[in-house]
Amino acid sequence: MRTMGMVIAVKAIILNAQKEVLLLKRNDDDSIDGGMWDIPGGRVEEDEGLENALRREVEEETSLHVEVSSLHTGWTYQLNNGERLQGYTFLCSITCEYAVKLSHEHSEYRWVKLSNIDAYNMHENLKREIKLVV
């Protein structure tokens, strides 16, 4: 969704019962952050609420169904193409335990202890966001 020249995006910090966060590795040939680790999320479509967009994106990327717990952070990000994102990251939990099935956008996934986040190649601001989860 576009608002005054900005694209609106949502991201999900998904925790499992062991308090591990779900990380997804972007395909190496992805034009945006190829080969880097990320969390599920994407752009909000026209006339779509933030939480509905978040649930849709998580299901598309992982096949998981999530319960949205709370808004965690708001952020802005400038893409290499000059496009600006206004983003919102939510804390989520999975509604039932079952296997992650990745979309074509990602090559791997891992459930990672919060204390091990620094070992993954991802944007530093995303690491900081994840570390705020206690």
N, C-alpha and C. Protein backbone atom coordinates (compact mmCIF):
# COMPACT_ATOMS: atom_id res chain seq x y z
N MET A 1 0.85 -1.17 0.00
CA MET A 1 0.00 0.00 0.00
C MET A 1 0.90 1.24 0.00
N ARG A 2 0.53 2.24 -0.78
CA ARG A 2 1.29 3.49 -0.85
C ARG A 2 0.55 4.60 -0.13
N THR A 3 1.28 5.34 0.68
CA THR A 3 0.73 6.50 1.36
C THR A 3 1.70 7.65 1.19
N MET A 4 1.28 8.71 0.50
CA MET A 4 2.11 9.90 0.30
C MET A 4 3.54 9.55 -0.11
N GLY A 5 3.70 8.73 -1.15
CA GLY A 5 5.02 8.39 -1.66
C GLY A 5 5.75 7.31 -0.89
N MET A 6 5.11 6.77 0.12
CA MET A 6 5.73 5.69 0.90
C MET A 6 4.97 4.40 0.71
N VAL A 7 5.69 3.32 0.81
CA VAL A 7 5.09 1.99 0.80
C VAL A 7 4.96 1.54 2.25
N ILE A 8 3.83 0.96 2.61
CA ILE A 8 3.61 0.46 3.96
C ILE A 8 3.96 -1.03 3.97
N ALA A 9 4.76 -1.44 4.97
CA ALA A 9 5.18 -2.83 5.09
C ALA A 9 4.99 -3.30 6.53
N VAL A 10 4.88 -4.61 6.68
CA VAL A 10 4.74 -5.24 8.00
C VAL A 10 5.74 -6.38 8.11
N LYS A 11 6.21 -6.62 9.32
CA LYS A 11 7.14 -7.72 9.62
C LYS A 11 6.67 -8.43 10.88
N ALA A 12 7.03 -9.71 11.01
CA ALA A 12 6.60 -10.52 12.14
C ALA A 12 7.80 -11.13 12.86
N ILE A 13 7.91 -10.84 14.15
CA ILE A 13 8.84 -11.59 15.01
C ILE A 13 7.99 -12.71 15.60
N ILE A 14 8.20 -13.91 15.08
CA ILE A 14 7.39 -15.07 15.48
C ILE A 14 8.18 -15.90 16.48
N LEU A 15 7.59 -16.10 17.64
CA LEU A 15 8.22 -16.91 18.68
C LEU A 15 7.49 -18.24 18.81
N ASN A 16 8.27 -19.31 18.99
CA ASN A 16 7.66 -20.62 19.26
C ASN A 16 7.61 -20.86 20.77
N ALA A 17 7.17 -22.03 21.17
CA ALA A 17 7.01 -22.34 22.60
C ALA A 17 8.34 -22.32 23.35
N GLN A 18 9.46 -22.53 22.65
CA GLN A 18 10.79 -22.51 23.27
C GLN A 18 11.39 -21.10 23.27
N LYS A 19 10.59 -20.09 22.90
CA LYS A 19 11.03 -18.68 22.84
C LYS A 19 12.14 -18.47 21.83
N GLU A 20 12.09 -19.23 20.72
CA GLU A 20 13.00 -19.05 19.61
C GLU A 20 12.28 -18.24 18.54
N VAL A 21 13.04 -17.44 17.80
CA VAL A 21 12.47 -16.60 16.74
C VAL A 21 12.69 -17.29 15.39
N LEU A 22 11.72 -17.13 14.50
CA LEU A 22 11.83 -17.71 13.16
C LEU A 22 12.57 -16.75 12.25
N LEU A 23 13.69 -17.23 11.67
CA LEU A 23 14.44 -16.46 10.68
C LEU A 23 14.32 -17.14 9.33
N LEU A 24 14.23 -16.32 8.29
CA LEU A 24 14.16 -16.81 6.91
C LEU A 24 15.36 -16.26 6.15
N LYS A 25 15.99 -17.10 5.33
CA LYS A 25 17.12 -16.65 4.52
C LYS A 25 16.62 -16.32 3.12
N ARG A 26 16.84 -15.07 2.71
CA ARG A 26 16.43 -14.64 1.38
C ARG A 26 17.27 -15.37 0.33
N ASN A 27 16.66 -15.69 -0.81
CA ASN A 27 17.40 -16.34 -1.89
C ASN A 27 18.62 -15.50 -2.26
N ASP A 28 19.70 -16.18 -2.62
CA ASP A 28 20.94 -15.48 -2.96
C ASP A 28 20.76 -14.50 -4.11
N ASP A 29 19.88 -14.81 -5.06
CA ASP A 29 19.71 -13.95 -6.23
C ASP A 29 18.63 -12.88 -6.04
N ASP A 30 18.12 -12.72 -4.82
CA ASP A 30 17.10 -11.71 -4.55
C ASP A 30 17.73 -10.32 -4.73
N SER A 31 17.04 -9.43 -5.42
CA SER A 31 17.57 -8.10 -5.68
C SER A 31 17.60 -7.24 -4.41
N ILE A 32 16.82 -7.60 -3.41
CA ILE A 32 16.82 -6.87 -2.14
C ILE A 32 17.38 -7.80 -1.06
N ASP A 33 18.61 -7.53 -0.63
CA ASP A 33 19.23 -8.25 0.48
C ASP A 33 19.40 -9.75 0.22
N GLY A 34 19.72 -10.12 -1.00
CA GLY A 34 19.93 -11.53 -1.34
C GLY A 34 20.94 -12.20 -0.41
N GLY A 35 20.60 -13.40 0.07
CA GLY A 35 21.48 -14.17 0.93
C GLY A 35 21.46 -13.77 2.40
N MET A 36 20.74 -12.73 2.74
CA MET A 36 20.69 -12.28 4.13
C MET A 36 19.51 -12.92 4.86
N TRP A 37 19.62 -12.98 6.18
CA TRP A 37 18.55 -13.50 7.02
C TRP A 37 17.58 -12.38 7.34
N ASP A 38 16.32 -12.73 7.49
CA ASP A 38 15.25 -11.76 7.69
C ASP A 38 14.16 -12.43 8.52
N ILE A 39 13.10 -11.69 8.76
CA ILE A 39 11.91 -12.24 9.39
C ILE A 39 10.76 -12.12 8.39
N PRO A 40 9.71 -12.90 8.54
CA PRO A 40 8.61 -12.85 7.57
C PRO A 40 7.95 -11.48 7.52
N GLY A 41 7.46 -11.16 6.33
CA GLY A 41 6.73 -9.91 6.17
C GLY A 41 6.71 -9.46 4.74
N GLY A 42 6.07 -8.31 4.52
CA GLY A 42 5.99 -7.77 3.17
C GLY A 42 5.11 -6.54 3.14
N ARG A 43 4.71 -6.20 1.95
CA ARG A 43 3.95 -4.97 1.72
C ARG A 43 2.47 -5.16 2.01
N VAL A 44 1.87 -4.10 2.49
CA VAL A 44 0.44 -4.08 2.75
C VAL A 44 -0.26 -3.72 1.44
N GLU A 45 -1.28 -4.50 1.09
CA GLU A 45 -2.03 -4.24 -0.13
C GLU A 45 -3.08 -3.15 0.10
N GLU A 46 -3.56 -2.58 -0.98
CA GLU A 46 -4.59 -1.53 -0.92
C GLU A 46 -5.79 -2.02 -0.12
N ASP A 47 -6.30 -1.19 0.78
CA ASP A 47 -7.48 -1.49 1.60
C ASP A 47 -7.31 -2.73 2.48
N GLU A 48 -6.09 -3.01 2.90
CA GLU A 48 -5.81 -4.16 3.77
C GLU A 48 -5.27 -3.63 5.09
N GLY A 49 -5.80 -4.10 6.20
CA GLY A 49 -5.30 -3.69 7.50
C GLY A 49 -3.93 -4.28 7.78
N LEU A 50 -3.21 -3.66 8.71
CA LEU A 50 -1.85 -4.11 9.02
C LEU A 50 -1.81 -5.56 9.50
N GLU A 51 -2.67 -5.92 10.45
CA GLU A 51 -2.64 -7.28 11.00
C GLU A 51 -3.07 -8.31 9.96
N ASN A 52 -4.06 -7.98 9.13
CA ASN A 52 -4.47 -8.90 8.07
C ASN A 52 -3.34 -9.10 7.07
N ALA A 53 -2.65 -8.02 6.72
CA ALA A 53 -1.51 -8.12 5.81
C ALA A 53 -0.41 -8.97 6.41
N LEU A 54 -0.18 -8.79 7.70
CA LEU A 54 0.85 -9.56 8.38
C LEU A 54 0.53 -11.06 8.35
N ARG A 55 -0.69 -11.41 8.70
CA ARG A 55 -1.09 -12.82 8.68
C ARG A 55 -0.97 -13.40 7.27
N ARG A 56 -1.38 -12.63 6.25
CA ARG A 56 -1.31 -13.10 4.86
C ARG A 56 0.15 -13.32 4.46
N GLU A 57 1.02 -12.35 4.74
CA GLU A 57 2.42 -12.46 4.36
C GLU A 57 3.10 -13.65 5.05
N VAL A 58 2.83 -13.82 6.34
CA VAL A 58 3.42 -14.95 7.07
C VAL A 58 2.97 -16.27 6.46
N GLU A 59 1.68 -16.38 6.17
CA GLU A 59 1.17 -17.62 5.58
C GLU A 59 1.77 -17.86 4.19
N GLU A 60 1.87 -16.80 3.37
CA GLU A 60 2.45 -16.95 2.03
C GLU A 60 3.91 -17.38 2.09
N GLU A 61 4.67 -16.84 3.03
CA GLU A 61 6.11 -17.12 3.09
C GLU A 61 6.47 -18.37 3.86
N THR A 62 5.61 -18.81 4.78
CA THR A 62 5.99 -19.92 5.67
C THR A 62 4.93 -21.01 5.81
N SER A 63 3.71 -20.74 5.40
CA SER A 63 2.51 -21.58 5.59
C SER A 63 2.05 -21.63 7.05
N LEU A 64 2.66 -20.83 7.91
CA LEU A 64 2.26 -20.80 9.32
C LEU A 64 1.08 -19.84 9.52
N HIS A 65 0.25 -20.15 10.50
CA HIS A 65 -0.81 -19.25 10.95
C HIS A 65 -0.34 -18.67 12.27
N VAL A 66 -0.45 -17.35 12.40
CA VAL A 66 0.06 -16.70 13.61
C VAL A 66 -1.04 -15.93 14.32
N GLU A 67 -0.82 -15.76 15.60
CA GLU A 67 -1.63 -14.87 16.42
C GLU A 67 -0.79 -13.62 16.66
N VAL A 68 -1.33 -12.47 16.31
CA VAL A 68 -0.61 -11.20 16.49
C VAL A 68 -0.78 -10.77 17.94
N SER A 69 0.33 -10.64 18.66
CA SER A 69 0.29 -10.27 20.07
C SER A 69 0.26 -8.77 20.28
N SER A 70 1.24 -8.07 19.67
CA SER A 70 1.32 -6.62 19.88
C SER A 70 2.25 -5.98 18.86
N LEU A 71 2.10 -4.67 18.70
CA LEU A 71 3.02 -3.90 17.88
C LEU A 71 4.33 -3.80 18.66
N HIS A 72 5.43 -4.11 18.00
CA HIS A 72 6.74 -4.10 18.64
C HIS A 72 7.49 -2.80 18.33
N THR A 73 7.62 -2.46 17.05
CA THR A 73 8.33 -1.25 16.66
C THR A 73 7.75 -0.69 15.36
N GLY A 74 8.01 0.58 15.13
CA GLY A 74 7.75 1.21 13.86
C GLY A 74 9.08 1.67 13.29
N TRP A 75 9.21 1.72 11.99
CA TRP A 75 10.48 2.05 11.39
C TRP A 75 10.29 2.59 9.97
N THR A 76 11.32 3.22 9.43
CA THR A 76 11.36 3.61 8.03
C THR A 76 12.65 3.06 7.43
N TYR A 77 12.60 2.80 6.13
CA TYR A 77 13.75 2.19 5.46
C TYR A 77 13.77 2.68 4.02
N GLN A 78 14.93 3.02 3.53
CA GLN A 78 15.09 3.47 2.15
C GLN A 78 15.73 2.33 1.35
N LEU A 79 15.02 1.89 0.29
CA LEU A 79 15.55 0.85 -0.59
C LEU A 79 16.56 1.46 -1.55
N ASN A 80 17.39 0.61 -2.14
CA ASN A 80 18.40 1.08 -3.09
C ASN A 80 17.78 1.80 -4.28
N ASN A 81 16.54 1.46 -4.63
CA ASN A 81 15.88 2.10 -5.77
C ASN A 81 15.26 3.45 -5.39
N GLY A 82 15.48 3.91 -4.16
CA GLY A 82 14.96 5.19 -3.72
C GLY A 82 13.60 5.13 -3.06
N GLU A 83 12.94 4.00 -3.15
CA GLU A 83 11.61 3.84 -2.54
C GLU A 83 11.74 3.83 -1.02
N ARG A 84 10.80 4.48 -0.35
CA ARG A 84 10.81 4.52 1.12
C ARG A 84 9.72 3.61 1.67
N LEU A 85 10.08 2.83 2.67
CA LEU A 85 9.13 1.97 3.35
C LEU A 85 8.81 2.54 4.72
N GLN A 86 7.55 2.56 5.08
CA GLN A 86 7.12 2.82 6.45
C GLN A 86 6.70 1.47 6.98
N GLY A 87 7.39 0.97 7.99
CA GLY A 87 7.15 -0.39 8.43
C GLY A 87 6.74 -0.50 9.88
N TYR A 88 6.10 -1.63 10.15
CA TYR A 88 5.64 -1.95 11.50
C TYR A 88 5.98 -3.41 11.76
N THR A 89 6.66 -3.64 12.88
CA THR A 89 7.02 -5.00 13.27
C THR A 89 6.15 -5.40 14.46
N PHE A 90 5.56 -6.59 14.35
CA PHE A 90 4.66 -7.10 15.38
C PHE A 90 5.25 -8.35 16.01
N LEU A 91 4.95 -8.53 17.30
CA LEU A 91 5.27 -9.79 17.97
C LEU A 91 4.13 -10.75 17.70
N CYS A 92 4.49 -11.99 17.37
CA CYS A 92 3.49 -13.00 17.03
C CYS A 92 3.87 -14.34 17.64
N SER A 93 2.86 -15.18 17.75
CA SER A 93 3.11 -16.57 18.14
C SER A 93 2.39 -17.46 17.14
N ILE A 94 2.89 -18.67 16.98
CA ILE A 94 2.22 -19.59 16.06
C ILE A 94 1.04 -20.22 16.79
N THR A 95 -0.04 -20.42 16.05
CA THR A 95 -1.27 -20.91 16.68
C THR A 95 -1.24 -22.42 16.88
N CYS A 96 -0.40 -23.12 16.13
CA CYS A 96 -0.20 -24.55 16.36
C CYS A 96 1.15 -24.93 15.77
N GLU A 97 1.77 -25.94 16.30
CA GLU A 97 3.09 -26.37 15.85
C GLU A 97 2.96 -27.22 14.60
N TYR A 98 3.52 -26.76 13.50
CA TYR A 98 3.67 -27.60 12.33
C TYR A 98 4.81 -27.06 11.48
N ALA A 99 5.19 -27.85 10.48
CA ALA A 99 6.40 -27.55 9.73
C ALA A 99 6.26 -26.29 8.88
N VAL A 100 7.35 -25.56 8.80
CA VAL A 100 7.43 -24.40 7.93
C VAL A 100 7.59 -24.89 6.50
N LYS A 101 6.82 -24.30 5.59
CA LYS A 101 6.96 -24.58 4.15
C LYS A 101 7.28 -23.25 3.49
N LEU A 102 8.50 -23.12 3.02
CA LEU A 102 8.96 -21.84 2.48
C LEU A 102 8.39 -21.55 1.10
N SER A 103 8.19 -20.26 0.82
CA SER A 103 7.80 -19.82 -0.51
C SER A 103 9.07 -19.75 -1.38
N HIS A 104 8.89 -19.35 -2.63
CA HIS A 104 10.02 -19.22 -3.56
C HIS A 104 10.97 -18.09 -3.18
N GLU A 105 10.58 -17.21 -2.24
CA GLU A 105 11.40 -16.06 -1.88
C GLU A 105 12.57 -16.41 -0.97
N HIS A 106 12.50 -17.57 -0.31
CA HIS A 106 13.50 -17.91 0.71
C HIS A 106 14.07 -19.29 0.46
N SER A 107 15.32 -19.48 0.90
CA SER A 107 16.00 -20.76 0.67
C SER A 107 16.14 -21.60 1.94
N GLU A 108 16.06 -20.97 3.10
CA GLU A 108 16.22 -21.69 4.37
C GLU A 108 15.41 -21.01 5.46
N TYR A 109 15.19 -21.76 6.54
CA TYR A 109 14.62 -21.15 7.75
C TYR A 109 15.28 -21.78 8.95
N ARG A 110 15.25 -21.07 10.05
CA ARG A 110 15.78 -21.59 11.31
C ARG A 110 15.01 -20.98 12.47
N TRP A 111 14.80 -21.77 13.51
CA TRP A 111 14.31 -21.26 14.79
C TRP A 111 15.55 -20.99 15.62
N VAL A 112 15.72 -19.76 16.06
CA VAL A 112 16.98 -19.31 16.67
C VAL A 112 16.72 -18.73 18.04
N LYS A 113 17.56 -19.11 18.99
CA LYS A 113 17.49 -18.50 20.33
C LYS A 113 17.85 -17.03 20.21
N LEU A 114 17.15 -16.19 20.97
CA LEU A 114 17.40 -14.75 20.91
C LEU A 114 18.86 -14.41 21.19
N SER A 115 19.50 -15.20 22.04
CA SER A 115 20.90 -14.94 22.40
C SER A 115 21.87 -15.27 21.25
N ASN A 116 21.39 -15.95 20.21
CA ASN A 116 22.26 -16.34 19.09
C ASN A 116 22.06 -15.50 17.83
N ILE A 117 21.28 -14.44 17.92
CA ILE A 117 20.95 -13.62 16.75
C ILE A 117 22.19 -13.03 16.08
N ASP A 118 23.20 -12.66 16.87
CA ASP A 118 24.40 -12.03 16.30
C ASP A 118 25.14 -12.93 15.31
N ALA A 119 24.92 -14.22 15.36
CA ALA A 119 25.62 -15.15 14.47
C ALA A 119 25.06 -15.13 13.04
N TYR A 120 23.98 -14.40 12.80
CA TYR A 120 23.31 -14.42 11.50
C TYR A 120 23.55 -13.13 10.73
N ASN A 121 23.76 -13.27 9.44
CA ASN A 121 23.98 -12.14 8.54
C ASN A 121 22.64 -11.47 8.24
N MET A 122 22.38 -10.38 8.97
CA MET A 122 21.16 -9.60 8.77
C MET A 122 21.47 -8.15 9.10
N HIS A 123 20.55 -7.28 8.73
CA HIS A 123 20.74 -5.86 9.03
C HIS A 123 20.84 -5.66 10.54
N GLU A 124 21.76 -4.77 10.94
CA GLU A 124 21.98 -4.50 12.36
C GLU A 124 20.72 -3.96 13.04
N ASN A 125 19.95 -3.13 12.32
CA ASN A 125 18.72 -2.60 12.94
C ASN A 125 17.72 -3.72 13.21
N LEU A 126 17.68 -4.74 12.37
CA LEU A 126 16.80 -5.88 12.62
C LEU A 126 17.29 -6.69 13.82
N LYS A 127 18.59 -6.87 13.93
CA LYS A 127 19.14 -7.56 15.11
C LYS A 127 18.73 -6.83 16.39
N ARG A 128 18.86 -5.49 16.36
CA ARG A 128 18.49 -4.70 17.55
C ARG A 128 17.01 -4.88 17.87
N GLU A 129 16.16 -4.87 16.84
CA GLU A 129 14.71 -5.06 17.08
C GLU A 129 14.45 -6.40 17.74
N ILE A 130 15.07 -7.44 17.23
CA ILE A 130 14.84 -8.79 17.77
C ILE A 130 15.35 -8.87 19.20
N LYS A 131 16.49 -8.26 19.49
CA LYS A 131 17.06 -8.31 20.83
C LYS A 131 16.19 -7.59 21.86
N LEU A 132 15.32 -6.68 21.40
CA LEU A 132 14.42 -5.99 22.32
C LEU A 132 13.35 -6.92 22.90
N VAL A 133 13.18 -8.08 22.28
CA VAL A 133 12.20 -9.06 22.76
C VAL A 133 12.82 -9.78 23.95
N VAL A 134 12.21 -9.67 25.09
CA VAL A 134 12.76 -10.32 26.29
C VAL A 134 11.74 -11.25 26.89
